[in-house]
Amino acid sequence: QVQLVESGGGLVQAGGSLRLSCAAVGSIFSINVMAWYRQAPGKQRELVALITDGATTTYADSVKGRFAIIRDNAKKTTYLQMSSLKPEDTAVYYCNARIRRTWYESSPSDYWGQGTQVTVSS
């Protein structure tokens, strides 16, 4: 069984920083893409950032220059370093990963973390 375990959310003032962590645990053969999504109240879940197994990154326009996604393949962990936080960054942040549990799986499956609340006060 595979799980994504998140940590690092909390309450921070505008302009502050937070780092989220997401560790993939369980029987894992390979991890393709690792990503962070967020969902604010009354809004759809949106992609914040992703990183491929080749370390190519993609960011939402709203976080470019402020957030950085990092990946530690040895630890099967991804981090989201968030700086210059704004009240509009307030949301539940979800980790996502595309994982093959065995070498013979034809394609990876999507896994989600439990979500962690990030609240930015003005």
N, C-alpha and C. Protein backbone atom coordinates (compact mmCIF):
# COMPACT_ATOMS: atom_id res chain seq x y z
N GLN A 1 0.84 -1.19 0.00
CA GLN A 1 0.00 0.00 0.00
C GLN A 1 0.88 1.24 0.00
N VAL A 2 0.44 2.24 -0.72
CA VAL A 2 1.21 3.48 -0.85
C VAL A 2 0.43 4.62 -0.21
N GLN A 3 1.13 5.45 0.52
CA GLN A 3 0.53 6.64 1.11
C GLN A 3 1.43 7.84 0.88
N LEU A 4 0.80 9.00 0.78
CA LEU A 4 1.54 10.26 0.76
C LEU A 4 1.25 10.96 2.08
N VAL A 5 2.30 11.23 2.84
CA VAL A 5 2.16 11.82 4.17
C VAL A 5 2.67 13.24 4.13
N GLU A 6 1.76 14.17 4.39
CA GLU A 6 2.08 15.59 4.32
C GLU A 6 2.33 16.18 5.71
N SER A 7 3.11 17.24 5.75
CA SER A 7 3.30 17.99 6.98
C SER A 7 3.74 19.41 6.63
N GLY A 8 3.63 20.31 7.61
CA GLY A 8 4.20 21.63 7.45
C GLY A 8 3.24 22.78 7.29
N GLY A 9 1.95 22.53 7.26
CA GLY A 9 1.02 23.65 7.13
C GLY A 9 0.93 24.45 8.42
N GLY A 10 0.14 25.53 8.37
CA GLY A 10 -0.04 26.33 9.57
C GLY A 10 -0.51 27.73 9.26
N LEU A 11 -0.40 28.58 10.28
CA LEU A 11 -0.83 29.97 10.18
C LEU A 11 0.41 30.86 10.10
N VAL A 12 0.39 31.77 9.15
CA VAL A 12 1.55 32.66 8.97
C VAL A 12 1.03 34.03 8.55
N GLN A 13 1.77 35.06 8.87
CA GLN A 13 1.39 36.41 8.46
C GLN A 13 1.80 36.65 7.01
N ALA A 14 1.11 37.55 6.38
CA ALA A 14 1.44 37.91 5.01
C ALA A 14 2.91 38.34 4.94
N GLY A 15 3.58 37.88 3.89
CA GLY A 15 5.00 38.15 3.73
C GLY A 15 5.89 37.08 4.33
N GLY A 16 5.30 36.18 5.09
CA GLY A 16 6.07 35.13 5.73
C GLY A 16 6.33 33.94 4.82
N SER A 17 6.92 32.90 5.42
CA SER A 17 7.30 31.70 4.67
C SER A 17 6.84 30.44 5.39
N LEU A 18 6.62 29.41 4.61
CA LEU A 18 6.32 28.08 5.13
C LEU A 18 6.92 27.05 4.19
N ARG A 19 7.22 25.88 4.73
CA ARG A 19 7.67 24.78 3.90
C ARG A 19 6.78 23.57 4.15
N LEU A 20 6.21 23.06 3.08
CA LEU A 20 5.42 21.84 3.16
C LEU A 20 6.27 20.65 2.72
N SER A 21 6.01 19.50 3.35
CA SER A 21 6.71 18.27 2.99
C SER A 21 5.70 17.19 2.65
N CYS A 22 6.10 16.31 1.75
CA CYS A 22 5.23 15.19 1.37
C CYS A 22 6.13 13.99 1.11
N ALA A 23 5.96 12.96 1.92
CA ALA A 23 6.76 11.75 1.77
C ALA A 23 5.90 10.61 1.26
N ALA A 24 6.40 9.94 0.25
CA ALA A 24 5.71 8.75 -0.27
C ALA A 24 6.24 7.54 0.48
N VAL A 25 5.33 6.78 1.10
CA VAL A 25 5.73 5.62 1.88
C VAL A 25 4.98 4.39 1.37
N GLY A 26 5.65 3.25 1.53
CA GLY A 26 5.05 2.01 1.07
C GLY A 26 5.92 1.35 0.02
N SER A 27 5.33 0.37 -0.63
CA SER A 27 6.05 -0.37 -1.66
C SER A 27 5.99 0.41 -2.97
N ILE A 28 7.13 0.98 -3.38
CA ILE A 28 7.17 1.88 -4.53
C ILE A 28 8.29 1.46 -5.47
N PHE A 29 7.97 1.30 -6.75
CA PHE A 29 8.99 1.01 -7.75
C PHE A 29 9.56 2.30 -8.32
N SER A 30 8.69 3.22 -8.70
CA SER A 30 9.16 4.48 -9.25
C SER A 30 8.10 5.56 -9.07
N ILE A 31 8.58 6.80 -9.02
CA ILE A 31 7.69 7.95 -8.93
C ILE A 31 7.95 8.84 -10.13
N ASN A 32 6.92 9.11 -10.88
CA ASN A 32 7.04 9.94 -12.06
C ASN A 32 6.94 11.40 -11.64
N VAL A 33 5.78 11.96 -11.70
CA VAL A 33 5.59 13.36 -11.35
C VAL A 33 5.19 13.48 -9.88
N MET A 34 5.71 14.50 -9.21
CA MET A 34 5.24 14.87 -7.87
C MET A 34 4.76 16.31 -7.97
N ALA A 35 3.65 16.59 -7.30
CA ALA A 35 3.03 17.90 -7.48
C ALA A 35 2.32 18.35 -6.21
N TRP A 36 2.05 19.64 -6.17
CA TRP A 36 1.24 20.24 -5.12
C TRP A 36 0.06 20.95 -5.77
N TYR A 37 -1.11 20.68 -5.20
CA TYR A 37 -2.35 21.36 -5.58
C TYR A 37 -2.87 22.10 -4.35
N ARG A 38 -3.81 23.01 -4.58
CA ARG A 38 -4.46 23.67 -3.45
C ARG A 38 -5.93 23.90 -3.79
N GLN A 39 -6.71 23.99 -2.72
CA GLN A 39 -8.13 24.25 -2.88
C GLN A 39 -8.57 25.23 -1.81
N ALA A 40 -9.00 26.39 -2.25
CA ALA A 40 -9.53 27.40 -1.34
C ALA A 40 -11.05 27.20 -1.20
N PRO A 41 -11.65 27.69 -0.12
CA PRO A 41 -13.09 27.52 0.07
C PRO A 41 -13.88 28.07 -1.12
N GLY A 42 -14.79 27.26 -1.62
CA GLY A 42 -15.64 27.69 -2.72
C GLY A 42 -14.97 27.70 -4.08
N LYS A 43 -13.74 27.22 -4.15
CA LYS A 43 -13.01 27.22 -5.42
C LYS A 43 -12.61 25.81 -5.80
N GLN A 44 -12.29 25.64 -7.09
CA GLN A 44 -11.82 24.34 -7.56
C GLN A 44 -10.37 24.11 -7.16
N ARG A 45 -10.00 22.84 -7.07
CA ARG A 45 -8.62 22.50 -6.79
C ARG A 45 -7.77 22.93 -8.00
N GLU A 46 -6.62 23.54 -7.71
CA GLU A 46 -5.76 24.02 -8.78
C GLU A 46 -4.32 23.56 -8.57
N LEU A 47 -3.62 23.39 -9.68
CA LEU A 47 -2.22 23.02 -9.63
C LEU A 47 -1.40 24.21 -9.16
N VAL A 48 -0.52 23.96 -8.20
CA VAL A 48 0.40 25.00 -7.72
C VAL A 48 1.77 24.83 -8.37
N ALA A 49 2.30 23.60 -8.30
CA ALA A 49 3.62 23.33 -8.86
C ALA A 49 3.79 21.84 -9.06
N LEU A 50 4.62 21.47 -10.02
CA LEU A 50 4.94 20.07 -10.20
C LEU A 50 6.39 19.93 -10.59
N ILE A 51 6.93 18.73 -10.34
CA ILE A 51 8.31 18.42 -10.70
C ILE A 51 8.35 17.00 -11.22
N THR A 52 9.00 16.83 -12.36
CA THR A 52 9.09 15.50 -12.97
C THR A 52 10.28 14.74 -12.40
N ASP A 53 10.38 13.47 -12.80
CA ASP A 53 11.52 12.69 -12.34
C ASP A 53 12.82 13.18 -12.97
N GLY A 54 12.71 14.01 -14.00
CA GLY A 54 13.88 14.64 -14.59
C GLY A 54 14.15 16.03 -14.04
N ALA A 55 13.40 16.39 -13.00
CA ALA A 55 13.58 17.66 -12.29
C ALA A 55 13.09 18.88 -13.08
N THR A 56 12.27 18.66 -14.07
CA THR A 56 11.62 19.78 -14.75
C THR A 56 10.47 20.27 -13.89
N THR A 57 10.39 21.57 -13.71
CA THR A 57 9.36 22.15 -12.85
C THR A 57 8.37 23.00 -13.65
N THR A 58 7.17 23.07 -13.12
CA THR A 58 6.12 23.91 -13.67
C THR A 58 5.41 24.59 -12.51
N TYR A 59 5.10 25.87 -12.68
CA TYR A 59 4.44 26.63 -11.61
C TYR A 59 3.20 27.35 -12.14
N ALA A 60 2.21 27.49 -11.27
CA ALA A 60 1.09 28.36 -11.58
C ALA A 60 1.61 29.79 -11.65
N ASP A 61 1.04 30.59 -12.52
CA ASP A 61 1.49 31.98 -12.67
C ASP A 61 1.41 32.73 -11.35
N SER A 62 0.43 32.41 -10.53
CA SER A 62 0.20 33.15 -9.29
C SER A 62 1.29 32.92 -8.25
N VAL A 63 2.11 31.89 -8.41
CA VAL A 63 3.13 31.59 -7.41
C VAL A 63 4.55 31.69 -7.96
N LYS A 64 4.69 31.95 -9.24
CA LYS A 64 6.03 32.04 -9.83
C LYS A 64 6.87 33.10 -9.13
N GLY A 65 8.09 32.73 -8.82
CA GLY A 65 8.99 33.65 -8.14
C GLY A 65 8.84 33.66 -6.63
N ARG A 66 7.79 33.04 -6.13
CA ARG A 66 7.56 33.02 -4.67
C ARG A 66 7.66 31.60 -4.10
N PHE A 67 7.24 30.61 -4.87
CA PHE A 67 7.25 29.23 -4.41
C PHE A 67 8.32 28.44 -5.16
N ALA A 68 8.84 27.42 -4.51
CA ALA A 68 9.80 26.52 -5.15
C ALA A 68 9.46 25.08 -4.77
N ILE A 69 9.39 24.22 -5.78
CA ILE A 69 9.16 22.80 -5.53
C ILE A 69 10.49 22.07 -5.65
N ILE A 70 10.74 21.22 -4.68
CA ILE A 70 12.01 20.50 -4.60
C ILE A 70 11.69 19.02 -4.43
N ARG A 71 12.59 18.19 -4.92
CA ARG A 71 12.34 16.76 -4.86
C ARG A 71 13.61 16.05 -4.39
N ASP A 72 13.46 15.17 -3.41
CA ASP A 72 14.55 14.34 -2.92
C ASP A 72 14.20 12.90 -3.28
N ASN A 73 14.80 12.40 -4.35
CA ASN A 73 14.42 11.07 -4.83
C ASN A 73 14.80 9.97 -3.84
N ALA A 74 15.91 10.14 -3.16
CA ALA A 74 16.35 9.12 -2.21
C ALA A 74 15.35 8.97 -1.06
N LYS A 75 14.75 10.07 -0.67
CA LYS A 75 13.78 10.04 0.42
C LYS A 75 12.34 9.92 -0.09
N LYS A 76 12.17 9.89 -1.40
CA LYS A 76 10.83 9.84 -1.99
C LYS A 76 9.95 10.96 -1.43
N THR A 77 10.53 12.13 -1.36
CA THR A 77 9.87 13.27 -0.71
C THR A 77 9.92 14.49 -1.61
N THR A 78 8.85 15.25 -1.58
CA THR A 78 8.85 16.53 -2.25
C THR A 78 8.53 17.63 -1.25
N TYR A 79 9.07 18.80 -1.48
CA TYR A 79 8.89 19.94 -0.60
C TYR A 79 8.33 21.11 -1.43
N LEU A 80 7.53 21.92 -0.77
CA LEU A 80 7.07 23.15 -1.38
C LEU A 80 7.50 24.28 -0.46
N GLN A 81 8.51 25.02 -0.89
CA GLN A 81 8.99 26.17 -0.15
C GLN A 81 8.20 27.38 -0.60
N MET A 82 7.46 27.96 0.34
CA MET A 82 6.58 29.09 0.01
C MET A 82 7.09 30.34 0.70
N SER A 83 7.31 31.39 -0.07
CA SER A 83 7.81 32.66 0.46
C SER A 83 6.89 33.79 0.02
N SER A 84 7.06 34.93 0.66
CA SER A 84 6.24 36.11 0.33
C SER A 84 4.77 35.74 0.25
N LEU A 85 4.31 35.03 1.24
CA LEU A 85 2.94 34.53 1.23
C LEU A 85 1.92 35.66 1.28
N LYS A 86 0.81 35.43 0.60
CA LYS A 86 -0.28 36.40 0.52
C LYS A 86 -1.55 35.78 1.08
N PRO A 87 -2.49 36.60 1.53
CA PRO A 87 -3.76 36.03 2.02
C PRO A 87 -4.45 35.15 0.98
N GLU A 88 -4.28 35.47 -0.28
CA GLU A 88 -4.91 34.65 -1.33
C GLU A 88 -4.26 33.29 -1.52
N ASP A 89 -3.15 33.03 -0.82
CA ASP A 89 -2.54 31.70 -0.83
C ASP A 89 -3.22 30.78 0.18
N THR A 90 -4.12 31.31 0.98
CA THR A 90 -4.82 30.51 1.97
C THR A 90 -5.63 29.41 1.29
N ALA A 91 -5.39 28.17 1.69
CA ALA A 91 -6.06 27.03 1.07
C ALA A 91 -5.61 25.76 1.78
N VAL A 92 -6.28 24.66 1.44
CA VAL A 92 -5.77 23.34 1.81
C VAL A 92 -4.86 22.89 0.67
N TYR A 93 -3.65 22.52 1.01
CA TYR A 93 -2.65 22.10 0.04
C TYR A 93 -2.56 20.58 0.03
N TYR A 94 -2.62 20.02 -1.17
CA TYR A 94 -2.59 18.57 -1.35
C TYR A 94 -1.37 18.17 -2.17
N CYS A 95 -0.73 17.13 -1.70
CA CYS A 95 0.37 16.53 -2.44
C CYS A 95 -0.20 15.48 -3.40
N ASN A 96 0.40 15.38 -4.56
CA ASN A 96 -0.01 14.39 -5.55
C ASN A 96 1.23 13.74 -6.14
N ALA A 97 1.14 12.46 -6.42
CA ALA A 97 2.27 11.78 -7.06
C ALA A 97 1.75 10.67 -7.98
N ARG A 98 2.43 10.49 -9.06
CA ARG A 98 2.13 9.42 -10.00
C ARG A 98 3.17 8.33 -9.78
N ILE A 99 2.69 7.18 -9.30
CA ILE A 99 3.58 6.14 -8.76
C ILE A 99 3.30 4.80 -9.41
N ARG A 100 4.39 4.10 -9.72
CA ARG A 100 4.31 2.68 -10.09
C ARG A 100 4.73 1.88 -8.86
N ARG A 101 3.91 0.96 -8.44
CA ARG A 101 4.26 0.13 -7.28
C ARG A 101 5.14 -1.04 -7.68
N THR A 102 5.03 -1.48 -8.93
CA THR A 102 5.83 -2.60 -9.41
C THR A 102 6.34 -2.30 -10.81
N TRP A 103 7.38 -3.01 -11.25
CA TRP A 103 7.97 -2.76 -12.55
C TRP A 103 7.04 -3.14 -13.68
N TYR A 104 6.09 -4.04 -13.42
CA TYR A 104 5.24 -4.53 -14.50
C TYR A 104 3.94 -3.75 -14.65
N GLU A 105 3.75 -2.72 -13.87
CA GLU A 105 2.57 -1.87 -14.09
C GLU A 105 2.77 -1.08 -15.39
N SER A 106 1.78 -1.09 -16.24
CA SER A 106 1.93 -0.46 -17.55
C SER A 106 1.96 1.07 -17.45
N SER A 107 1.29 1.61 -16.44
CA SER A 107 1.28 3.06 -16.28
C SER A 107 1.16 3.38 -14.79
N PRO A 108 1.63 4.57 -14.40
CA PRO A 108 1.56 4.94 -12.98
C PRO A 108 0.13 5.28 -12.55
N SER A 109 -0.10 5.21 -11.25
CA SER A 109 -1.40 5.58 -10.68
C SER A 109 -1.25 6.85 -9.87
N ASP A 110 -2.35 7.57 -9.75
CA ASP A 110 -2.37 8.82 -8.99
C ASP A 110 -2.61 8.55 -7.51
N TYR A 111 -1.81 9.20 -6.66
CA TYR A 111 -2.01 9.13 -5.22
C TYR A 111 -2.08 10.55 -4.67
N TRP A 112 -2.87 10.70 -3.58
CA TRP A 112 -3.07 12.01 -2.97
C TRP A 112 -2.77 11.97 -1.48
N GLY A 113 -2.21 13.06 -1.00
CA GLY A 113 -2.03 13.22 0.43
C GLY A 113 -3.34 13.64 1.08
N GLN A 114 -3.31 13.72 2.41
CA GLN A 114 -4.52 14.01 3.17
C GLN A 114 -4.87 15.49 3.18
N GLY A 115 -3.95 16.32 2.77
CA GLY A 115 -4.18 17.76 2.74
C GLY A 115 -3.67 18.42 4.01
N THR A 116 -3.12 19.61 3.85
CA THR A 116 -2.66 20.38 5.00
C THR A 116 -3.09 21.84 4.82
N GLN A 117 -3.61 22.42 5.90
CA GLN A 117 -4.15 23.77 5.83
C GLN A 117 -3.04 24.81 5.92
N VAL A 118 -3.07 25.75 5.00
CA VAL A 118 -2.19 26.91 5.04
C VAL A 118 -3.08 28.15 5.14
N THR A 119 -2.88 28.94 6.18
CA THR A 119 -3.66 30.16 6.37
C THR A 119 -2.71 31.34 6.48
N VAL A 120 -2.94 32.33 5.62
CA VAL A 120 -2.10 33.53 5.60
C VAL A 120 -2.95 34.70 6.05
N SER A 121 -2.56 35.32 7.15
CA SER A 121 -3.33 36.45 7.69
C SER A 121 -2.77 37.76 7.15
N SER A 122 -3.66 38.71 6.99
CA SER A 122 -3.23 40.01 6.44
C SER A 122 -2.79 40.97 7.54
